Amino acid sequence: MCWDMIGHIGNEVAKRLSIPIVWGGDWDGDGDKSDQKLYDPAHWELAHWRMMEPEPPHMYNARGKLVRRE
């Protein structure tokens, strides 16, 4: 039950931030956990991560502001 709550919270936060994710407790994202071949609720990944372009190197400064390297 704890993993269900964590999954729900994680999915809601990702949706609000427009971050496409896949949660290992519901791989296909249909809300039905009983149709999964693998149940790995501690697993999170970016959806379609293999097709994403790499970000240029970046880092955060001491104030938490994103600083991009040229």
PDB file of N, CA and C in Angstrom:
ATOM      1  N   MET A   1       0.811  -1.192   0.000  1.00  0.00           N
ATOM      2  CA  MET A   1       0.000   0.000   0.000  1.00  0.00           C
ATOM      3  C   MET A   1       0.860   1.265   0.000  1.00  0.00           C
ATOM      4  N   CYS A   2       1.978   1.225   0.696  1.00  0.00           N
ATOM      5  CA  CYS A   2       2.884   2.368   0.736  1.00  0.00           C
ATOM      6  C   CYS A   2       3.389   2.710  -0.667  1.00  0.00           C
ATOM      7  N   TRP A   3       3.737   1.670  -1.458  1.00  0.00           N
ATOM      8  CA  TRP A   3       4.234   1.912  -2.814  1.00  0.00           C
ATOM      9  C   TRP A   3       3.158   2.521  -3.698  1.00  0.00           C
ATOM     10  N   ASP A   4       1.904   2.157  -3.473  1.00  0.00           N
ATOM     11  CA  ASP A   4       0.823   2.752  -4.254  1.00  0.00           C
ATOM     12  C   ASP A   4       0.759   4.259  -4.013  1.00  0.00           C
ATOM     13  N   MET A   5       0.904   4.661  -2.764  1.00  0.00           N
ATOM     14  CA  MET A   5       0.869   6.080  -2.432  1.00  0.00           C
ATOM     15  C   MET A   5       2.064   6.804  -3.042  1.00  0.00           C
ATOM     16  N   ILE A   6       3.248   6.210  -2.923  1.00  0.00           N
ATOM     17  CA  ILE A   6       4.451   6.817  -3.498  1.00  0.00           C
ATOM     18  C   ILE A   6       4.315   6.926  -5.017  1.00  0.00           C
ATOM     19  N   GLY A   7       3.795   5.883  -5.653  1.00  0.00           N
ATOM     20  CA  GLY A   7       3.578   5.912  -7.095  1.00  0.00           C
ATOM     21  C   GLY A   7       2.609   7.001  -7.501  1.00  0.00           C
ATOM     22  N   HIS A   8       1.521   7.131  -6.753  1.00  0.00           N
ATOM     23  CA  HIS A   8       0.524   8.154  -7.058  1.00  0.00           C
ATOM     24  C   HIS A   8       1.120   9.552  -6.922  1.00  0.00           C
ATOM     25  N   ILE A   9       1.826   9.787  -5.826  1.00  0.00           N
ATOM     26  CA  ILE A   9       2.433  11.103  -5.600  1.00  0.00           C
ATOM     27  C   ILE A   9       3.461  11.411  -6.689  1.00  0.00           C
ATOM     28  N   GLY A  10       4.320  10.448  -6.991  1.00  0.00           N
ATOM     29  CA  GLY A  10       5.332  10.657  -8.028  1.00  0.00           C
ATOM     30  C   GLY A  10       4.732  10.952  -9.380  1.00  0.00           C
ATOM     31  N   ASN A  11       3.688  10.217  -9.743  1.00  0.00           N
ATOM     32  CA  ASN A  11       3.024  10.458 -11.027  1.00  0.00           C
ATOM     33  C   ASN A  11       2.350  11.821 -11.068  1.00  0.00           C
ATOM     34  N   GLU A  12       1.725  12.225  -9.976  1.00  0.00           N
ATOM     35  CA  GLU A  12       1.070  13.539  -9.930  1.00  0.00           C
ATOM     36  C   GLU A  12       2.089  14.679 -10.037  1.00  0.00           C
ATOM     37  N   VAL A  13       3.191  14.560  -9.319  1.00  0.00           N
ATOM     38  CA  VAL A  13       4.229  15.593  -9.386  1.00  0.00           C
ATOM     39  C   VAL A  13       4.798  15.673 -10.797  1.00  0.00           C
ATOM     40  N   ALA A  14       5.090  14.533 -11.403  1.00  0.00           N
ATOM     41  CA  ALA A  14       5.635  14.521 -12.765  1.00  0.00           C
ATOM     42  C   ALA A  14       4.642  15.135 -13.752  1.00  0.00           C
ATOM     43  N   LYS A  15       3.361  14.828 -13.591  1.00  0.00           N
ATOM     44  CA  LYS A  15       2.347  15.385 -14.488  1.00  0.00           C
ATOM     45  C   LYS A  15       2.292  16.907 -14.357  1.00  0.00           C
ATOM     46  N   ARG A  16       2.311  17.402 -13.121  1.00  0.00           N
ATOM     47  CA  ARG A  16       2.253  18.857 -12.898  1.00  0.00           C
ATOM     48  C   ARG A  16       3.472  19.575 -13.442  1.00  0.00           C
ATOM     49  N   LEU A  17       4.618  18.896 -13.439  1.00  0.00           N
ATOM     50  CA  LEU A  17       5.851  19.487 -13.959  1.00  0.00           C
ATOM     51  C   LEU A  17       6.087  19.153 -15.434  1.00  0.00           C
ATOM     52  N   SER A  18       5.131  18.464 -16.047  1.00  0.00           N
ATOM     53  CA  SER A  18       5.227  18.058 -17.461  1.00  0.00           C
ATOM     54  C   SER A  18       6.468  17.224 -17.737  1.00  0.00           C
ATOM     55  N   ILE A  19       6.756  16.302 -16.815  1.00  0.00           N
ATOM     56  CA  ILE A  19       7.883  15.383 -16.981  1.00  0.00           C
ATOM     57  C   ILE A  19       7.314  14.008 -17.289  1.00  0.00           C
ATOM     58  N   PRO A  20       7.537  13.504 -18.502  1.00  0.00           N
ATOM     59  CA  PRO A  20       7.001  12.182 -18.838  1.00  0.00           C
ATOM     60  C   PRO A  20       7.808  11.079 -18.152  1.00  0.00           C
ATOM     61  N   ILE A  21       7.152  10.324 -17.273  1.00  0.00           N
ATOM     62  CA  ILE A  21       7.841   9.274 -16.530  1.00  0.00           C
ATOM     63  C   ILE A  21       7.136   7.939 -16.693  1.00  0.00           C
ATOM     64  N   VAL A  22       7.869   6.900 -16.355  1.00  0.00           N
ATOM     65  CA  VAL A  22       7.327   5.548 -16.272  1.00  0.00           C
ATOM     66  C   VAL A  22       7.642   5.056 -14.870  1.00  0.00           C
ATOM     67  N   TRP A  23       6.638   4.523 -14.204  1.00  0.00           N
ATOM     68  CA  TRP A  23       6.807   3.996 -12.849  1.00  0.00           C
ATOM     69  C   TRP A  23       6.775   2.478 -12.921  1.00  0.00           C
ATOM     70  N   GLY A  24       7.694   1.824 -12.243  1.00  0.00           N
ATOM     71  CA  GLY A  24       7.802   0.373 -12.256  1.00  0.00           C
ATOM     72  C   GLY A  24       6.666  -0.364 -11.569  1.00  0.00           C
ATOM     73  N   GLY A  25       5.769   0.355 -10.908  1.00  0.00           N
ATOM     74  CA  GLY A  25       4.594  -0.272 -10.319  1.00  0.00           C
ATOM     75  C   GLY A  25       3.442  -0.362 -11.302  1.00  0.00           C
ATOM     76  N   ASP A  26       3.529   0.389 -12.402  1.00  0.00           N
ATOM     77  CA  ASP A  26       2.496   0.393 -13.446  1.00  0.00           C
ATOM     78  C   ASP A  26       3.164   0.780 -14.761  1.00  0.00           C
ATOM     79  N   TRP A  27       3.890  -0.151 -15.332  1.00  0.00           N
ATOM     80  CA  TRP A  27       4.723   0.112 -16.506  1.00  0.00           C
ATOM     81  C   TRP A  27       3.976   0.729 -17.669  1.00  0.00           C
ATOM     82  N   ASP A  28       2.759   0.266 -17.924  1.00  0.00           N
ATOM     83  CA  ASP A  28       2.026   0.780 -19.084  1.00  0.00           C
ATOM     84  C   ASP A  28       1.195   2.017 -18.762  1.00  0.00           C
ATOM     85  N   GLY A  29       1.155   2.417 -17.500  1.00  0.00           N
ATOM     86  CA  GLY A  29       0.486   3.645 -17.100  1.00  0.00           C
ATOM     87  C   GLY A  29      -1.022   3.629 -17.219  1.00  0.00           C
ATOM     88  N   ASP A  30      -1.618   2.444 -17.228  1.00  0.00           N
ATOM     89  CA  ASP A  30      -3.070   2.371 -17.380  1.00  0.00           C
ATOM     90  C   ASP A  30      -3.820   2.338 -16.050  1.00  0.00           C
ATOM     91  N   GLY A  31      -3.080   2.387 -14.940  1.00  0.00           N
ATOM     92  CA  GLY A  31      -3.708   2.372 -13.626  1.00  0.00           C
ATOM     93  C   GLY A  31      -4.016   0.987 -13.093  1.00  0.00           C
ATOM     94  N   ASP A  32      -3.808  -0.051 -13.905  1.00  0.00           N
ATOM     95  CA  ASP A  32      -4.074  -1.433 -13.493  1.00  0.00           C
ATOM     96  C   ASP A  32      -2.748  -2.128 -13.212  1.00  0.00           C
ATOM     97  N   LYS A  33      -2.444  -2.313 -11.940  1.00  0.00           N
ATOM     98  CA  LYS A  33      -1.169  -2.939 -11.575  1.00  0.00           C
ATOM     99  C   LYS A  33      -1.188  -4.455 -11.713  1.00  0.00           C
ATOM    100  N   SER A  34      -2.363  -5.036 -11.896  1.00  0.00           N
ATOM    101  CA  SER A  34      -2.456  -6.497 -11.979  1.00  0.00           C
ATOM    102  C   SER A  34      -2.034  -7.044 -13.335  1.00  0.00           C
ATOM    103  N   ASP A  35      -1.879  -6.178 -14.346  1.00  0.00           N
ATOM    104  CA  ASP A  35      -1.506  -6.662 -15.687  1.00  0.00           C
ATOM    105  C   ASP A  35      -0.006  -6.525 -15.966  1.00  0.00           C
ATOM    106  N   GLN A  36       0.792  -6.331 -14.935  1.00  0.00           N
ATOM    107  CA  GLN A  36       2.234  -6.150 -15.108  1.00  0.00           C
ATOM    108  C   GLN A  36       2.960  -7.487 -15.021  1.00  0.00           C
ATOM    109  N   LYS A  37       3.917  -7.688 -15.908  1.00  0.00           N
ATOM    110  CA  LYS A  37       4.747  -8.892 -15.835  1.00  0.00           C
ATOM    111  C   LYS A  37       5.835  -8.727 -14.776  1.00  0.00           C
ATOM    112  N   LEU A  38       6.236  -7.492 -14.543  1.00  0.00           N
ATOM    113  CA  LEU A  38       7.277  -7.192 -13.566  1.00  0.00           C
ATOM    114  C   LEU A  38       6.769  -6.076 -12.669  1.00  0.00           C
ATOM    115  N   TYR A  39       6.824  -6.279 -11.367  1.00  0.00           N
ATOM    116  CA  TYR A  39       6.423  -5.258 -10.411  1.00  0.00           C
ATOM    117  C   TYR A  39       7.681  -4.751  -9.722  1.00  0.00           C
ATOM    118  N   ASP A  40       8.082  -3.528 -10.037  1.00  0.00           N
ATOM    119  CA  ASP A  40       9.298  -2.929  -9.491  1.00  0.00           C
ATOM    120  C   ASP A  40       8.971  -1.501  -9.051  1.00  0.00           C
ATOM    121  N   PRO A  41       8.227  -1.356  -7.937  1.00  0.00           N
ATOM    122  CA  PRO A  41       7.720  -0.044  -7.562  1.00  0.00           C
ATOM    123  C   PRO A  41       8.794   0.962  -7.162  1.00  0.00           C
ATOM    124  N   ALA A  42      10.005   0.524  -6.917  1.00  0.00           N
ATOM    125  CA  ALA A  42      11.080   1.463  -6.586  1.00  0.00           C
ATOM    126  C   ALA A  42      11.729   2.033  -7.848  1.00  0.00           C
ATOM    127  N   HIS A  43      11.279   1.589  -9.021  1.00  0.00           N
ATOM    128  CA  HIS A  43      11.891   1.987 -10.289  1.00  0.00           C
ATOM    129  C   HIS A  43      11.124   3.152 -10.920  1.00  0.00           C
ATOM    130  N   TRP A  44      11.869   4.190 -11.301  1.00  0.00           N
ATOM    131  CA  TRP A  44      11.329   5.333 -12.041  1.00  0.00           C
ATOM    132  C   TRP A  44      12.256   5.587 -13.209  1.00  0.00           C
ATOM    133  N   GLU A  45      11.695   5.975 -14.331  1.00  0.00           N
ATOM    134  CA  GLU A  45      12.541   6.367 -15.457  1.00  0.00           C
ATOM    135  C   GLU A  45      11.808   7.395 -16.296  1.00  0.00           C
ATOM    136  N   LEU A  46      12.584   8.167 -17.045  1.00  0.00           N
ATOM    137  CA  LEU A  46      11.990   9.103 -17.981  1.00  0.00           C
ATOM    138  C   LEU A  46      11.403   8.317 -19.142  1.00  0.00           C
ATOM    139  N   ALA A  47      10.175   8.636 -19.498  1.00  0.00           N
ATOM    140  CA  ALA A  47       9.547   7.958 -20.637  1.00  0.00           C
ATOM    141  C   ALA A  47      10.304   8.318 -21.913  1.00  0.00           C
ATOM    142  N   HIS A  48      10.516   7.362 -22.758  1.00  0.00           N
ATOM    143  CA  HIS A  48      11.182   7.547 -24.059  1.00  0.00           C
ATOM    144  C   HIS A  48      12.595   8.116 -23.915  1.00  0.00           C
ATOM    145  N   TRP A  49      13.277   7.752 -22.834  1.00  0.00           N
ATOM    146  CA  TRP A  49      14.601   8.319 -22.574  1.00  0.00           C
ATOM    147  C   TRP A  49      15.612   7.984 -23.654  1.00  0.00           C
ATOM    148  N   ARG A  50      15.439   6.880 -24.333  1.00  0.00           N
ATOM    149  CA  ARG A  50      16.406   6.509 -25.382  1.00  0.00           C
ATOM    150  C   ARG A  50      16.333   7.439 -26.585  1.00  0.00           C
ATOM    151  N   MET A  51      15.210   8.105 -26.771  1.00  0.00           N
ATOM    152  CA  MET A  51      15.040   8.988 -27.921  1.00  0.00           C
ATOM    153  C   MET A  51      15.355  10.446 -27.584  1.00  0.00           C
ATOM    154  N   MET A  52      15.684  10.750 -26.338  1.00  0.00           N
ATOM    155  CA  MET A  52      15.944  12.132 -25.933  1.00  0.00           C
ATOM    156  C   MET A  52      17.316  12.590 -26.385  1.00  0.00           C
ATOM    157  N   GLU A  53      17.384  13.862 -26.746  1.00  0.00           N
ATOM    158  CA  GLU A  53      18.661  14.475 -27.086  1.00  0.00           C
ATOM    159  C   GLU A  53      19.416  14.752 -25.793  1.00  0.00           C
ATOM    160  N   PRO A  54      20.712  14.546 -25.790  1.00  0.00           N
ATOM    161  CA  PRO A  54      21.465  14.847 -24.567  1.00  0.00           C
ATOM    162  C   PRO A  54      21.463  16.348 -24.290  1.00  0.00           C
ATOM    163  N   GLU A  55      21.336  16.690 -23.028  1.00  0.00           N
ATOM    164  CA  GLU A  55      21.398  18.087 -22.601  1.00  0.00           C
ATOM    165  C   GLU A  55      22.848  18.542 -22.618  1.00  0.00           C
ATOM    166  N   PRO A  56      23.065  19.813 -22.903  1.00  0.00           N
ATOM    167  CA  PRO A  56      24.441  20.300 -22.765  1.00  0.00           C
ATOM    168  C   PRO A  56      24.852  20.249 -21.299  1.00  0.00           C
ATOM    169  N   PRO A  57      26.136  20.129 -21.029  1.00  0.00           N
ATOM    170  CA  PRO A  57      26.569  20.056 -19.628  1.00  0.00           C
ATOM    171  C   PRO A  57      26.093  21.281 -18.843  1.00  0.00           C
ATOM    172  N   HIS A  58      25.628  21.054 -17.651  1.00  0.00           N
ATOM    173  CA  HIS A  58      25.180  22.158 -16.812  1.00  0.00           C
ATOM    174  C   HIS A  58      25.432  21.820 -15.349  1.00  0.00           C
ATOM    175  N   MET A  59      25.259  22.823 -14.531  1.00  0.00           N
ATOM    176  CA  MET A  59      25.424  22.628 -13.099  1.00  0.00           C
ATOM    177  C   MET A  59      24.648  23.717 -12.377  1.00  0.00           C
ATOM    178  N   TYR A  60      24.484  23.549 -11.101  1.00  0.00           N
ATOM    179  CA  TYR A  60      23.811  24.539 -10.276  1.00  0.00           C
ATOM    180  C   TYR A  60      24.834  25.249  -9.415  1.00  0.00           C
ATOM    181  N   ASN A  61      24.643  26.558  -9.249  1.00  0.00           N
ATOM    182  CA  ASN A  61      25.547  27.296  -8.371  1.00  0.00           C
ATOM    183  C   ASN A  61      25.086  27.149  -6.920  1.00  0.00           C
ATOM    184  N   ALA A  62      25.766  27.809  -5.998  1.00  0.00           N
ATOM    185  CA  ALA A  62      25.473  27.671  -4.571  1.00  0.00           C
ATOM    186  C   ALA A  62      24.072  28.156  -4.212  1.00  0.00           C
ATOM    187  N   ARG A  63      23.498  29.034  -5.014  1.00  0.00           N
ATOM    188  CA  ARG A  63      22.150  29.546  -4.747  1.00  0.00           C
ATOM    189  C   ARG A  63      21.066  28.715  -5.416  1.00  0.00           C
ATOM    190  N   GLY A  64      21.461  27.628  -6.063  1.00  0.00           N
ATOM    191  CA  GLY A  64      20.496  26.752  -6.705  1.00  0.00           C
ATOM    192  C   GLY A  64      20.100  27.189  -8.101  1.00  0.00           C
ATOM    193  N   LYS A  65      20.786  28.184  -8.645  1.00  0.00           N
ATOM    194  CA  LYS A  65      20.482  28.670  -9.995  1.00  0.00           C
ATOM    195  C   LYS A  65      21.237  27.831 -11.015  1.00  0.00           C
ATOM    196  N   LEU A  66      20.529  27.463 -12.081  1.00  0.00           N
ATOM    197  CA  LEU A  66      21.139  26.653 -13.134  1.00  0.00           C
ATOM    198  C   LEU A  66      22.138  27.502 -13.905  1.00  0.00           C
ATOM    199  N   VAL A  67      23.361  26.987 -14.027  1.00  0.00           N
ATOM    200  CA  VAL A  67      24.412  27.671 -14.760  1.00  0.00           C
ATOM    201  C   VAL A  67      24.837  26.760 -15.894  1.00  0.00           C
ATOM    202  N   ARG A  68      24.690  27.215 -17.116  1.00  0.00           N
ATOM    203  CA  ARG A  68      25.084  26.401 -18.272  1.00  0.00           C
ATOM    204  C   ARG A  68      26.511  26.738 -18.687  1.00  0.00           C
ATOM    205  N   ARG A  69      27.241  25.695 -19.009  1.00  0.00           N
ATOM    206  CA  ARG A  69      28.598  25.871 -19.519  1.00  0.00           C
ATOM    207  C   ARG A  69      28.517  26.054 -21.021  1.00  0.00           C
ATOM    208  N   GLU A  70      29.316  26.915 -21.544  1.00  0.00           N
ATOM    209  CA  GLU A  70      29.363  27.142 -23.010  1.00  0.00           C
ATOM    210  C   GLU A  70      30.440  26.296 -23.625  1.00  0.00           C
TER     211      GLU A  70
END
